[in-house]
Structures are given as C-alpha cells and as structure tokens.
Amino acid sequence: MCIDFSNVAAVAWLPVFEEKRARYERTLVMQGNCAYAAGLALLMAHDGRAADWFRRAAARWRESWDSGAPPDAWGRPIGALKASLLAGDDAAVEQIASWTLELGTATADSPIGRYAAVVALLSLRRTAEAGHVAGTLRGEVFPRDVTDALEAIAAGDGDVYAQALASVVRSFETRDAFLEDVRVADTALVLDLLARRSGIERDLPASDVLPAA
C-alpha cells in the first residue's frame, strides 16, 4: 500500500497554520485596541496626536477583518468606523462606512451587526435608512439609550437625542470595564459626531469620562 505523504503532511501542518493565523489575527485586533485606547487618552489630553492613533486603530481593525475574521465579528468594522470618525478623517469615514454596509450589516441577525449598519448609514447621512435599521434594535439585547440616541439623530430630534446622550454618559460613569482600562465614554463621543453630521448640535454633558470643554 502506498502512503500519500503529502496528505499526511497536510494533516500535520494545517492545524499549525490555523493556530498561527488565529494568533496573527488576535495580534492585529490587540494592536487596534491599543491604538484606539492611545487615541482616546490623547483626546482626553487635548493632544493633536490623537487623530494619528485613531487612524492606526482603524487600519489594524480593517486588516484583522481582511485576514480572515469570523463573519459575525462586527466589532471590527464598528471599531474602524468609530476610530475614523474620531480621527476626523472624512474620506476614511465614507470608505469604511460603505464597506461596512457591503458586509450585509443592515440585515445581520446580530443586533451588533445592525448597530454597525446604523452608524455607517448616519456617517453617510442616510438618515431615513438609519432610522429604519435603528428601529430593529428595540427588543434586542442592546442598550436602550443608545438606540434612543440613534433613532433621535435619524429623526432630527435634538431634545430626545440630548436626553439619550446624557443617559449613555451616565452608563459609562457607573461601569467598571473599559477597553484597555481607558475610562472614556467613546460611544457618547461618536454619537455627538453623528448628531453633528445630521445637523443636531448639543453640548456634551460635563463628565470625567469625556474631554473637558
């Protein structure tokens, strides 16, 4: 009987490949996390270098998706989009928002996927579509105040938005877990940027989890 040694080699080495690929992917995600946290720290310090670190975070998270992420790893496009918004990089925001929608986020089973779609649609100022997708988040295991804020932005309701934003900030003030232990209400910062893109301008609440005015 002849033994096909090429198949034997494949059986032996493919698991090694999968292990190393997964480690590579995790490394990219960790680099994105660290770069994003560094950007938040610089933003809190009113340091102009924050934008560069947010761009690094967006690039690493995008690379981690392209390197073979699971199809429901929605945190990566969300992170890349939030980082681009915080960097003030309009060209990257448009590109990443369009890519996020191309991934099928608007009809994803996961509410996190649909959240990614709403952020993308609001980033592109497609408010009517954003309001429709945001409505699907109700009844899901998803923060109600974030849903309220997203729907209010889509509807152009500044008063409801301001109330929801204040609730989001309070939730960050009372939580224990933060990305890379950097105590910043990044969701509130991103909501503020999305609201301003939609013509709603409200001051952020004074809080120790937000940059000082």
N, C-alpha and C. Protein backbone atom coordinates (compact mmCIF):
# COMPACT_ATOMS: atom_id res chain seq x y z
N MET A 1 0.85 -1.19 0.00
CA MET A 1 0.00 0.00 0.00
C MET A 1 0.88 1.24 0.00
N CYS A 2 0.56 2.16 -0.90
CA CYS A 2 1.33 3.40 -0.97
C CYS A 2 0.70 4.43 -0.03
N ILE A 3 1.52 5.12 0.69
CA ILE A 3 1.05 6.17 1.60
C ILE A 3 1.25 7.52 0.92
N ASP A 4 0.20 8.29 0.87
CA ASP A 4 0.29 9.63 0.29
C ASP A 4 0.83 10.57 1.36
N PHE A 5 2.16 10.76 1.33
CA PHE A 5 2.80 11.56 2.37
C PHE A 5 2.39 13.03 2.29
N SER A 6 1.98 13.49 1.11
CA SER A 6 1.54 14.89 1.01
C SER A 6 0.30 15.13 1.86
N ASN A 7 -0.61 14.14 1.85
CA ASN A 7 -1.80 14.27 2.68
C ASN A 7 -1.46 14.18 4.16
N VAL A 8 -0.53 13.32 4.50
CA VAL A 8 -0.09 13.19 5.89
C VAL A 8 0.50 14.52 6.36
N ALA A 9 1.30 15.14 5.50
CA ALA A 9 1.91 16.43 5.86
C ALA A 9 0.84 17.50 6.06
N ALA A 10 -0.16 17.47 5.19
CA ALA A 10 -1.23 18.46 5.32
C ALA A 10 -1.96 18.31 6.63
N VAL A 11 -2.26 17.06 6.99
CA VAL A 11 -2.95 16.81 8.26
C VAL A 11 -2.13 17.31 9.43
N ALA A 12 -0.81 17.15 9.33
CA ALA A 12 0.07 17.56 10.42
C ALA A 12 0.25 19.07 10.50
N TRP A 13 0.32 19.73 9.34
CA TRP A 13 0.72 21.14 9.32
C TRP A 13 -0.44 22.13 9.24
N LEU A 14 -1.59 21.72 8.72
CA LEU A 14 -2.69 22.67 8.63
C LEU A 14 -3.18 23.17 9.99
N PRO A 15 -3.24 22.31 11.03
CA PRO A 15 -3.60 22.84 12.35
C PRO A 15 -2.60 23.88 12.86
N VAL A 16 -1.33 23.69 12.52
CA VAL A 16 -0.32 24.68 12.92
C VAL A 16 -0.60 26.00 12.23
N PHE A 17 -0.94 25.91 10.93
CA PHE A 17 -1.29 27.14 10.19
C PHE A 17 -2.47 27.84 10.85
N GLU A 18 -3.53 27.09 11.18
CA GLU A 18 -4.72 27.70 11.76
C GLU A 18 -4.40 28.37 13.08
N GLU A 19 -3.55 27.72 13.88
CA GLU A 19 -3.17 28.31 15.17
C GLU A 19 -2.44 29.63 14.95
N LYS A 20 -1.49 29.65 14.02
CA LYS A 20 -0.69 30.85 13.79
C LYS A 20 -1.53 31.95 13.13
N ARG A 21 -2.46 31.54 12.23
CA ARG A 21 -3.33 32.54 11.62
C ARG A 21 -4.21 33.21 12.67
N ALA A 22 -4.75 32.40 13.59
CA ALA A 22 -5.60 32.95 14.65
C ALA A 22 -4.80 33.87 15.56
N ARG A 23 -3.55 33.48 15.84
CA ARG A 23 -2.71 34.33 16.70
C ARG A 23 -2.39 35.65 16.00
N TYR A 24 -2.12 35.58 14.69
CA TYR A 24 -1.85 36.78 13.90
C TYR A 24 -3.07 37.69 13.93
N GLU A 25 -4.24 37.10 13.74
CA GLU A 25 -5.46 37.88 13.74
C GLU A 25 -5.69 38.54 15.09
N ARG A 26 -5.48 37.78 16.17
CA ARG A 26 -5.66 38.35 17.51
C ARG A 26 -4.68 39.49 17.74
N THR A 27 -3.46 39.35 17.21
CA THR A 27 -2.46 40.38 17.38
C THR A 27 -2.91 41.67 16.72
N LEU A 28 -3.48 41.58 15.52
CA LEU A 28 -3.98 42.76 14.84
C LEU A 28 -5.10 43.42 15.63
N VAL A 29 -6.00 42.59 16.17
CA VAL A 29 -7.09 43.14 16.98
C VAL A 29 -6.53 43.84 18.20
N MET A 30 -5.56 43.22 18.85
CA MET A 30 -4.96 43.84 20.03
C MET A 30 -4.25 45.14 19.68
N GLN A 31 -3.59 45.18 18.52
CA GLN A 31 -2.95 46.41 18.08
C GLN A 31 -4.00 47.50 17.87
N GLY A 32 -5.13 47.10 17.27
CA GLY A 32 -6.22 48.06 17.08
C GLY A 32 -6.74 48.57 18.40
N ASN A 33 -6.94 47.66 19.35
CA ASN A 33 -7.43 48.05 20.67
C ASN A 33 -6.48 49.05 21.34
N CYS A 34 -5.19 48.73 21.30
CA CYS A 34 -4.21 49.58 21.97
C CYS A 34 -4.10 50.94 21.29
N ALA A 35 -4.12 50.96 19.95
CA ALA A 35 -4.05 52.22 19.23
C ALA A 35 -5.27 53.08 19.52
N TYR A 36 -6.44 52.46 19.58
CA TYR A 36 -7.67 53.19 19.87
C TYR A 36 -7.63 53.77 21.28
N ALA A 37 -7.19 52.97 22.23
CA ALA A 37 -7.08 53.44 23.61
C ALA A 37 -6.08 54.58 23.71
N ALA A 38 -4.98 54.48 22.98
CA ALA A 38 -3.99 55.56 22.98
C ALA A 38 -4.61 56.84 22.41
N GLY A 39 -5.39 56.68 21.34
CA GLY A 39 -6.07 57.84 20.77
C GLY A 39 -7.04 58.49 21.75
N LEU A 40 -7.78 57.67 22.48
CA LEU A 40 -8.71 58.21 23.47
C LEU A 40 -7.98 58.97 24.57
N ALA A 41 -6.85 58.41 25.02
CA ALA A 41 -6.06 59.08 26.06
C ALA A 41 -5.58 60.44 25.57
N LEU A 42 -5.09 60.50 24.33
CA LEU A 42 -4.62 61.76 23.77
C LEU A 42 -5.78 62.74 23.55
N LEU A 43 -6.94 62.21 23.18
CA LEU A 43 -8.12 63.07 23.02
C LEU A 43 -8.50 63.71 24.35
N MET A 44 -8.46 62.92 25.42
CA MET A 44 -8.76 63.46 26.75
C MET A 44 -7.75 64.53 27.15
N ALA A 45 -6.52 64.39 26.66
CA ALA A 45 -5.46 65.36 26.98
C ALA A 45 -5.44 66.54 26.01
N HIS A 46 -6.40 66.56 25.05
CA HIS A 46 -6.44 67.60 24.02
C HIS A 46 -5.12 67.66 23.26
N ASP A 47 -4.60 66.50 22.94
CA ASP A 47 -3.32 66.38 22.23
C ASP A 47 -3.61 66.05 20.76
N GLY A 48 -3.04 66.83 19.86
CA GLY A 48 -3.30 66.68 18.44
C GLY A 48 -2.86 65.37 17.83
N ARG A 49 -2.07 64.59 18.55
CA ARG A 49 -1.63 63.31 18.02
C ARG A 49 -2.73 62.24 18.05
N ALA A 50 -3.86 62.56 18.66
CA ALA A 50 -4.94 61.57 18.79
C ALA A 50 -5.39 61.05 17.42
N ALA A 51 -5.53 61.94 16.45
CA ALA A 51 -6.05 61.54 15.14
C ALA A 51 -5.18 60.46 14.50
N ASP A 52 -3.87 60.59 14.63
CA ASP A 52 -2.97 59.60 14.03
C ASP A 52 -3.18 58.23 14.66
N TRP A 53 -3.37 58.19 15.96
CA TRP A 53 -3.57 56.90 16.64
C TRP A 53 -4.92 56.29 16.30
N PHE A 54 -5.93 57.13 16.10
CA PHE A 54 -7.22 56.60 15.66
C PHE A 54 -7.11 56.02 14.26
N ARG A 55 -6.34 56.65 13.40
CA ARG A 55 -6.15 56.11 12.05
C ARG A 55 -5.44 54.75 12.12
N ARG A 56 -4.47 54.63 13.00
CA ARG A 56 -3.78 53.35 13.17
C ARG A 56 -4.76 52.28 13.63
N ALA A 57 -5.62 52.64 14.57
CA ALA A 57 -6.60 51.67 15.07
C ALA A 57 -7.51 51.19 13.95
N ALA A 58 -8.01 52.13 13.16
CA ALA A 58 -8.90 51.77 12.05
C ALA A 58 -8.20 50.83 11.08
N ALA A 59 -6.95 51.13 10.77
CA ALA A 59 -6.20 50.29 9.82
C ALA A 59 -6.00 48.87 10.36
N ARG A 60 -5.66 48.75 11.64
CA ARG A 60 -5.42 47.42 12.21
C ARG A 60 -6.71 46.61 12.26
N TRP A 61 -7.82 47.23 12.65
CA TRP A 61 -9.08 46.51 12.73
C TRP A 61 -9.55 46.08 11.34
N ARG A 62 -9.33 46.93 10.35
CA ARG A 62 -9.70 46.56 8.98
C ARG A 62 -8.82 45.39 8.52
N GLU A 63 -7.53 45.45 8.81
CA GLU A 63 -6.63 44.35 8.45
C GLU A 63 -7.04 43.05 9.13
N SER A 64 -7.47 43.16 10.38
CA SER A 64 -7.85 41.95 11.12
C SER A 64 -9.07 41.30 10.49
N TRP A 65 -9.98 42.11 9.94
CA TRP A 65 -11.14 41.54 9.25
C TRP A 65 -10.68 40.86 7.96
N ASP A 66 -9.82 41.54 7.22
CA ASP A 66 -9.38 41.00 5.94
C ASP A 66 -8.49 39.77 6.09
N SER A 67 -7.93 39.57 7.28
CA SER A 67 -7.05 38.42 7.48
C SER A 67 -7.81 37.13 7.75
N GLY A 68 -9.14 37.22 7.78
CA GLY A 68 -9.94 36.00 7.95
C GLY A 68 -10.76 35.99 9.21
N ALA A 69 -11.41 37.12 9.52
CA ALA A 69 -12.23 37.20 10.73
C ALA A 69 -13.50 36.37 10.56
N PRO A 70 -14.09 35.90 11.65
CA PRO A 70 -15.39 35.23 11.57
C PRO A 70 -16.42 36.17 10.95
N PRO A 71 -17.42 35.65 10.27
CA PRO A 71 -18.37 36.52 9.57
C PRO A 71 -19.22 37.39 10.48
N ASP A 72 -19.23 37.10 11.77
CA ASP A 72 -20.02 37.92 12.69
C ASP A 72 -19.15 38.73 13.64
N ALA A 73 -17.91 38.98 13.26
CA ALA A 73 -17.00 39.77 14.12
C ALA A 73 -17.27 41.25 13.87
N TRP A 74 -18.50 41.68 14.17
CA TRP A 74 -18.93 43.03 13.82
C TRP A 74 -18.20 44.12 14.59
N GLY A 75 -17.59 43.77 15.71
CA GLY A 75 -16.86 44.79 16.47
C GLY A 75 -15.74 45.42 15.68
N ARG A 76 -15.21 44.72 14.70
CA ARG A 76 -14.08 45.24 13.93
C ARG A 76 -14.48 46.35 12.98
N PRO A 77 -15.51 46.17 12.13
CA PRO A 77 -15.93 47.31 11.33
C PRO A 77 -16.47 48.46 12.18
N ILE A 78 -17.16 48.14 13.29
CA ILE A 78 -17.62 49.21 14.18
C ILE A 78 -16.43 49.99 14.70
N GLY A 79 -15.40 49.29 15.17
CA GLY A 79 -14.23 49.95 15.70
C GLY A 79 -13.53 50.80 14.66
N ALA A 80 -13.38 50.26 13.45
CA ALA A 80 -12.72 51.00 12.38
C ALA A 80 -13.50 52.26 12.03
N LEU A 81 -14.82 52.17 12.02
CA LEU A 81 -15.65 53.32 11.69
C LEU A 81 -15.62 54.37 12.80
N LYS A 82 -15.73 53.92 14.05
CA LYS A 82 -15.67 54.86 15.17
C LYS A 82 -14.31 55.56 15.21
N ALA A 83 -13.25 54.81 14.97
CA ALA A 83 -11.92 55.41 15.00
C ALA A 83 -11.76 56.45 13.90
N SER A 84 -12.30 56.17 12.72
CA SER A 84 -12.20 57.12 11.61
C SER A 84 -13.01 58.38 11.89
N LEU A 85 -14.17 58.21 12.51
CA LEU A 85 -14.96 59.38 12.90
C LEU A 85 -14.20 60.23 13.91
N LEU A 86 -13.63 59.60 14.91
CA LEU A 86 -12.89 60.34 15.93
C LEU A 86 -11.63 60.98 15.38
N ALA A 87 -11.07 60.38 14.32
CA ALA A 87 -9.89 60.97 13.68
C ALA A 87 -10.26 62.18 12.84
N GLY A 88 -11.55 62.35 12.55
CA GLY A 88 -11.97 63.44 11.68
C GLY A 88 -11.56 63.23 10.24
N ASP A 89 -11.42 61.97 9.84
CA ASP A 89 -10.96 61.62 8.51
C ASP A 89 -12.18 61.30 7.63
N ASP A 90 -12.73 62.32 6.99
CA ASP A 90 -13.97 62.15 6.24
C ASP A 90 -13.85 61.15 5.10
N ALA A 91 -12.71 61.15 4.42
CA ALA A 91 -12.53 60.21 3.30
C ALA A 91 -12.56 58.78 3.81
N ALA A 92 -11.88 58.52 4.94
CA ALA A 92 -11.88 57.17 5.52
C ALA A 92 -13.25 56.80 6.04
N VAL A 93 -13.96 57.77 6.64
CA VAL A 93 -15.31 57.50 7.14
C VAL A 93 -16.21 57.04 6.01
N GLU A 94 -16.18 57.73 4.88
CA GLU A 94 -17.02 57.36 3.75
C GLU A 94 -16.66 55.97 3.22
N GLN A 95 -15.37 55.70 3.12
CA GLN A 95 -14.92 54.41 2.59
C GLN A 95 -15.29 53.27 3.54
N ILE A 96 -15.02 53.44 4.81
CA ILE A 96 -15.27 52.37 5.78
C ILE A 96 -16.78 52.19 6.00
N ALA A 97 -17.52 53.28 5.98
CA ALA A 97 -18.98 53.16 6.14
C ALA A 97 -19.58 52.37 4.97
N SER A 98 -19.14 52.66 3.76
CA SER A 98 -19.63 51.93 2.59
C SER A 98 -19.25 50.46 2.67
N TRP A 99 -18.01 50.19 3.07
CA TRP A 99 -17.55 48.80 3.24
C TRP A 99 -18.37 48.08 4.30
N THR A 100 -18.65 48.76 5.40
CA THR A 100 -19.43 48.15 6.49
C THR A 100 -20.80 47.72 6.00
N LEU A 101 -21.42 48.54 5.18
CA LEU A 101 -22.74 48.18 4.63
C LEU A 101 -22.64 47.04 3.63
N GLU A 102 -21.56 47.01 2.87
CA GLU A 102 -21.35 45.93 1.89
C GLU A 102 -21.22 44.57 2.57
N LEU A 103 -20.86 44.56 3.85
CA LEU A 103 -20.73 43.31 4.59
C LEU A 103 -22.08 42.70 4.96
N GLY A 104 -23.17 43.42 4.68
CA GLY A 104 -24.50 42.90 4.99
C GLY A 104 -24.95 43.20 6.40
N THR A 105 -24.39 44.23 7.01
CA THR A 105 -24.71 44.54 8.40
C THR A 105 -26.17 44.94 8.60
N ALA A 106 -26.77 45.60 7.63
CA ALA A 106 -28.14 46.10 7.80
C ALA A 106 -29.16 44.98 8.01
N THR A 107 -28.85 43.80 7.54
CA THR A 107 -29.78 42.67 7.70
C THR A 107 -29.16 41.55 8.54
N ALA A 108 -28.15 41.88 9.31
CA ALA A 108 -27.49 40.87 10.14
C ALA A 108 -28.43 40.36 11.22
N ASP A 109 -28.27 39.08 11.59
CA ASP A 109 -29.05 38.53 12.69
C ASP A 109 -28.68 39.18 14.01
N SER A 110 -27.43 39.52 14.15
CA SER A 110 -26.93 40.10 15.40
C SER A 110 -27.29 41.58 15.50
N PRO A 111 -27.79 42.04 16.66
CA PRO A 111 -28.03 43.48 16.82
C PRO A 111 -26.75 44.31 16.72
N ILE A 112 -25.61 43.71 17.06
CA ILE A 112 -24.35 44.42 16.92
C ILE A 112 -24.04 44.70 15.45
N GLY A 113 -24.36 43.75 14.60
CA GLY A 113 -24.19 43.97 13.17
C GLY A 113 -25.07 45.10 12.68
N ARG A 114 -26.33 45.11 13.12
CA ARG A 114 -27.24 46.18 12.69
C ARG A 114 -26.85 47.53 13.28
N TYR A 115 -26.30 47.50 14.48
CA TYR A 115 -25.75 48.74 15.07
C TYR A 115 -24.65 49.29 14.17
N ALA A 116 -23.78 48.41 13.69
CA ALA A 116 -22.73 48.84 12.76
C ALA A 116 -23.35 49.50 11.54
N ALA A 117 -24.45 48.93 11.04
CA ALA A 117 -25.11 49.50 9.87
C ALA A 117 -25.67 50.89 10.16
N VAL A 118 -26.26 51.07 11.32
CA VAL A 118 -26.83 52.38 11.66
C VAL A 118 -25.73 53.43 11.74
N VAL A 119 -24.63 53.09 12.40
CA VAL A 119 -23.51 54.04 12.47
C VAL A 119 -23.01 54.37 11.08
N ALA A 120 -22.91 53.36 10.22
CA ALA A 120 -22.46 53.58 8.85
C ALA A 120 -23.43 54.48 8.08
N LEU A 121 -24.72 54.20 8.19
CA LEU A 121 -25.72 54.98 7.47
C LEU A 121 -25.75 56.43 7.95
N LEU A 122 -25.65 56.64 9.25
CA LEU A 122 -25.62 58.01 9.77
C LEU A 122 -24.33 58.71 9.35
N SER A 123 -23.24 57.96 9.28
CA SER A 123 -21.98 58.55 8.82
C SER A 123 -22.11 59.05 7.39
N LEU A 124 -22.91 58.34 6.59
CA LEU A 124 -23.13 58.72 5.20
C LEU A 124 -24.32 59.66 5.04
N ARG A 125 -24.91 60.09 6.16
CA ARG A 125 -26.06 61.00 6.19
C ARG A 125 -27.29 60.39 5.51
N ARG A 126 -27.40 59.08 5.55
CA ARG A 126 -28.57 58.38 5.01
C ARG A 126 -29.54 58.13 6.17
N THR A 127 -30.15 59.23 6.65
CA THR A 127 -30.87 59.21 7.91
C THR A 127 -32.14 58.37 7.87
N ALA A 128 -32.87 58.40 6.76
CA ALA A 128 -34.11 57.62 6.70
C ALA A 128 -33.84 56.13 6.84
N GLU A 129 -32.82 55.65 6.13
CA GLU A 129 -32.46 54.24 6.24
C GLU A 129 -31.93 53.92 7.63
N ALA A 130 -31.16 54.85 8.19
CA ALA A 130 -30.61 54.63 9.53
C ALA A 130 -31.73 54.49 10.56
N GLY A 131 -32.75 55.32 10.44
CA GLY A 131 -33.87 55.25 11.38
C GLY A 131 -34.59 53.92 11.28
N HIS A 132 -34.74 53.40 10.07
CA HIS A 132 -35.41 52.12 9.89
C HIS A 132 -34.62 50.99 10.55
N VAL A 133 -33.31 50.95 10.31
CA VAL A 133 -32.49 49.88 10.88
C VAL A 133 -32.39 50.04 12.40
N ALA A 134 -32.29 51.28 12.88
CA ALA A 134 -32.21 51.51 14.33
C ALA A 134 -33.46 50.98 15.03
N GLY A 135 -34.60 51.09 14.36
CA GLY A 135 -35.84 50.58 14.96
C GLY A 135 -35.82 49.09 15.20
N THR A 136 -35.01 48.35 14.44
CA THR A 136 -34.94 46.89 14.61
C THR A 136 -34.15 46.50 15.86
N LEU A 137 -33.47 47.47 16.47
CA LEU A 137 -32.68 47.17 17.67
C LEU A 137 -33.55 47.09 18.92
N ARG A 138 -34.76 47.63 18.84
CA ARG A 138 -35.65 47.57 20.01
C ARG A 138 -36.11 46.14 20.24
N GLY A 139 -36.12 45.76 21.51
CA GLY A 139 -36.48 44.40 21.86
C GLY A 139 -35.32 43.44 21.82
N GLU A 140 -34.17 43.93 21.38
CA GLU A 140 -32.96 43.11 21.36
C GLU A 140 -32.15 43.35 22.63
N VAL A 141 -31.17 42.48 22.86
CA VAL A 141 -30.24 42.70 23.97
C VAL A 141 -29.23 43.75 23.50
N PHE A 142 -29.62 45.00 23.67
CA PHE A 142 -28.83 46.13 23.19
C PHE A 142 -29.22 47.34 24.03
N PRO A 143 -28.25 48.22 24.37
CA PRO A 143 -28.55 49.36 25.24
C PRO A 143 -29.68 50.24 24.69
N ARG A 144 -30.70 50.42 25.49
CA ARG A 144 -31.86 51.19 25.02
C ARG A 144 -31.51 52.65 24.78
N ASP A 145 -30.66 53.22 25.64
CA ASP A 145 -30.35 54.64 25.45
C ASP A 145 -29.56 54.89 24.18
N VAL A 146 -28.73 53.93 23.77
CA VAL A 146 -28.01 54.08 22.51
C VAL A 146 -29.00 54.02 21.35
N THR A 147 -29.95 53.09 21.43
CA THR A 147 -30.99 53.01 20.40
C THR A 147 -31.78 54.31 20.34
N ASP A 148 -32.17 54.85 21.51
CA ASP A 148 -32.91 56.11 21.55
C ASP A 148 -32.11 57.23 20.87
N ALA A 149 -30.82 57.28 21.16
CA ALA A 149 -29.98 58.33 20.58
C ALA A 149 -29.88 58.18 19.07
N LEU A 150 -29.69 56.96 18.60
CA LEU A 150 -29.57 56.73 17.16
C LEU A 150 -30.87 57.08 16.43
N GLU A 151 -32.00 56.67 16.98
CA GLU A 151 -33.28 56.98 16.36
C GLU A 151 -33.53 58.48 16.36
N ALA A 152 -33.17 59.16 17.45
CA ALA A 152 -33.38 60.60 17.53
C ALA A 152 -32.51 61.35 16.52
N ILE A 153 -31.27 60.89 16.35
CA ILE A 153 -30.40 61.50 15.33
C ILE A 153 -31.02 61.33 13.95
N ALA A 154 -31.47 60.13 13.66
CA ALA A 154 -32.06 59.84 12.35
C ALA A 154 -33.32 60.69 12.11
N ALA A 155 -34.08 60.96 13.19
CA ALA A 155 -35.31 61.73 13.08
C ALA A 155 -35.08 63.23 13.19
N GLY A 156 -33.86 63.63 13.53
CA GLY A 156 -33.57 65.05 13.70
C GLY A 156 -34.15 65.65 14.96
N ASP A 157 -34.38 64.82 15.98
CA ASP A 157 -34.98 65.27 17.24
C ASP A 157 -33.88 65.54 18.26
N GLY A 158 -33.48 66.80 18.35
CA GLY A 158 -32.38 67.17 19.23
C GLY A 158 -32.66 66.99 20.70
N ASP A 159 -33.91 67.23 21.13
CA ASP A 159 -34.23 67.13 22.55
C ASP A 159 -34.17 65.68 23.04
N VAL A 160 -34.77 64.77 22.28
CA VAL A 160 -34.72 63.35 22.66
C VAL A 160 -33.27 62.86 22.59
N TYR A 161 -32.55 63.31 21.59
CA TYR A 161 -31.15 62.92 21.47
C TYR A 161 -30.36 63.35 22.71
N ALA A 162 -30.55 64.59 23.16
CA ALA A 162 -29.79 65.09 24.31
C ALA A 162 -30.08 64.27 25.56
N GLN A 163 -31.33 63.88 25.75
CA GLN A 163 -31.70 63.07 26.91
C GLN A 163 -31.03 61.69 26.83
N ALA A 164 -31.08 61.11 25.64
CA ALA A 164 -30.48 59.79 25.47
C ALA A 164 -28.96 59.85 25.63
N LEU A 165 -28.34 60.90 25.12
CA LEU A 165 -26.89 61.06 25.25
C LEU A 165 -26.48 61.15 26.71
N ALA A 166 -27.24 61.92 27.50
CA ALA A 166 -26.94 62.04 28.93
C ALA A 166 -27.01 60.68 29.61
N SER A 167 -27.97 59.85 29.22
CA SER A 167 -28.08 58.51 29.78
C SER A 167 -26.88 57.65 29.40
N VAL A 168 -26.44 57.75 28.15
CA VAL A 168 -25.26 56.99 27.72
C VAL A 168 -24.04 57.39 28.54
N VAL A 169 -23.86 58.69 28.76
CA VAL A 169 -22.72 59.16 29.55
C VAL A 169 -22.79 58.61 30.97
N ARG A 170 -23.99 58.64 31.57
CA ARG A 170 -24.15 58.11 32.93
C ARG A 170 -23.78 56.63 32.99
N SER A 171 -24.13 55.88 31.95
CA SER A 171 -23.81 54.45 31.95
C SER A 171 -22.30 54.23 31.96
N PHE A 172 -21.55 55.10 31.30
CA PHE A 172 -20.10 54.99 31.31
C PHE A 172 -19.53 55.41 32.67
N GLU A 173 -20.15 56.37 33.30
CA GLU A 173 -19.67 56.83 34.60
C GLU A 173 -19.80 55.75 35.67
N THR A 174 -20.75 54.83 35.49
CA THR A 174 -21.02 53.83 36.52
C THR A 174 -20.49 52.44 36.18
N ARG A 175 -19.87 52.28 35.01
CA ARG A 175 -19.37 50.96 34.64
C ARG A 175 -17.96 50.75 35.15
N ASP A 176 -17.56 49.49 35.20
CA ASP A 176 -16.21 49.14 35.67
C ASP A 176 -15.28 48.77 34.52
N ALA A 177 -15.82 48.22 33.45
CA ALA A 177 -14.99 47.70 32.35
C ALA A 177 -14.89 48.71 31.21
N PHE A 178 -13.66 48.96 30.78
CA PHE A 178 -13.38 49.85 29.66
C PHE A 178 -12.32 49.20 28.78
N LEU A 179 -12.35 49.51 27.49
CA LEU A 179 -11.35 48.99 26.58
C LEU A 179 -9.96 49.43 27.02
N GLU A 180 -9.09 48.45 27.25
CA GLU A 180 -7.71 48.72 27.68
C GLU A 180 -7.68 49.59 28.94
N ASP A 181 -8.75 49.52 29.75
CA ASP A 181 -8.84 50.26 31.01
C ASP A 181 -8.73 51.77 30.84
N VAL A 182 -9.09 52.27 29.66
CA VAL A 182 -9.08 53.72 29.42
C VAL A 182 -10.50 54.22 29.63
N ARG A 183 -10.71 54.97 30.69
CA ARG A 183 -12.05 55.36 31.15
C ARG A 183 -12.57 56.56 30.36
N VAL A 184 -13.10 56.27 29.19
CA VAL A 184 -13.61 57.31 28.30
C VAL A 184 -14.92 56.83 27.68
N ALA A 185 -15.90 57.71 27.62
CA ALA A 185 -17.21 57.38 27.04
C ALA A 185 -17.15 57.57 25.53
N ASP A 186 -16.47 56.66 24.86
CA ASP A 186 -16.27 56.82 23.42
C ASP A 186 -17.58 56.74 22.64
N THR A 187 -18.53 55.94 23.10
CA THR A 187 -19.82 55.86 22.41
C THR A 187 -20.50 57.22 22.38
N ALA A 188 -20.43 57.95 23.50
CA ALA A 188 -21.02 59.29 23.55
C ALA A 188 -20.31 60.24 22.59
N LEU A 189 -19.00 60.13 22.49
CA LEU A 189 -18.24 60.97 21.57
C LEU A 189 -18.64 60.70 20.12
N VAL A 190 -18.82 59.43 19.79
CA VAL A 190 -19.21 59.07 18.43
C VAL A 190 -20.64 59.52 18.14
N LEU A 191 -21.54 59.35 19.10
CA LEU A 191 -22.91 59.83 18.92
C LEU A 191 -22.93 61.34 18.67
N ASP A 192 -22.09 62.06 19.40
CA ASP A 192 -22.01 63.51 19.21
C ASP A 192 -21.58 63.86 17.78
N LEU A 193 -20.61 63.14 17.27
CA LEU A 193 -20.14 63.39 15.90
C LEU A 193 -21.23 63.04 14.87
N LEU A 194 -21.92 61.93 15.10
CA LEU A 194 -23.00 61.55 14.18
C LEU A 194 -24.14 62.57 14.22
N ALA A 195 -24.46 63.06 15.40
CA ALA A 195 -25.52 64.06 15.53
C ALA A 195 -25.14 65.34 14.77
N ARG A 196 -23.92 65.77 14.92
CA ARG A 196 -23.48 66.99 14.24
C ARG A 196 -23.48 66.82 12.72
N ARG A 197 -23.16 65.60 12.26
CA ARG A 197 -23.22 65.35 10.82
C ARG A 197 -24.65 65.44 10.31
N SER A 198 -25.60 65.20 11.20
CA SER A 198 -27.02 65.24 10.82
C SER A 198 -27.67 66.58 11.15
N GLY A 199 -26.88 67.55 11.58
CA GLY A 199 -27.41 68.89 11.84
C GLY A 199 -27.89 69.13 13.25
N ILE A 200 -27.64 68.20 14.17
CA ILE A 200 -28.02 68.37 15.57
C ILE A 200 -26.79 68.78 16.36
N GLU A 201 -26.86 69.91 17.03
CA GLU A 201 -25.73 70.37 17.83
C GLU A 201 -26.17 70.57 19.27
N ARG A 202 -25.65 69.74 20.13
CA ARG A 202 -25.91 69.84 21.56
C ARG A 202 -24.58 69.69 22.29
N ASP A 203 -24.42 70.42 23.37
CA ASP A 203 -23.18 70.29 24.14
C ASP A 203 -23.13 68.94 24.82
N LEU A 204 -21.95 68.36 24.85
CA LEU A 204 -21.75 67.12 25.62
C LEU A 204 -21.88 67.44 27.10
N PRO A 205 -22.45 66.51 27.90
CA PRO A 205 -22.52 66.75 29.34
C PRO A 205 -21.12 66.85 29.95
N ALA A 206 -21.00 67.64 31.01
CA ALA A 206 -19.73 67.69 31.74
C ALA A 206 -19.57 66.37 32.48
N SER A 207 -18.44 65.71 32.30
CA SER A 207 -18.22 64.41 32.93
C SER A 207 -16.74 64.08 32.92
N ASP A 208 -16.32 63.29 33.91
CA ASP A 208 -14.91 62.91 33.94
C ASP A 208 -14.58 61.80 32.94
N VAL A 209 -15.61 61.28 32.22
CA VAL A 209 -15.35 60.28 31.18
C VAL A 209 -15.40 60.91 29.79
N LEU A 210 -15.40 62.26 29.74
CA LEU A 210 -15.39 62.99 28.49
C LEU A 210 -14.31 64.08 28.56
N PRO A 211 -13.78 64.49 27.42
CA PRO A 211 -12.79 65.57 27.44
C PRO A 211 -13.37 66.83 28.06
N ALA A 212 -12.55 67.56 28.78
CA ALA A 212 -13.00 68.83 29.36
C ALA A 212 -13.29 69.80 28.22
N ALA A 213 -14.26 70.66 28.45
CA ALA A 213 -14.64 71.64 27.41
C ALA A 213 -13.46 72.56 27.12
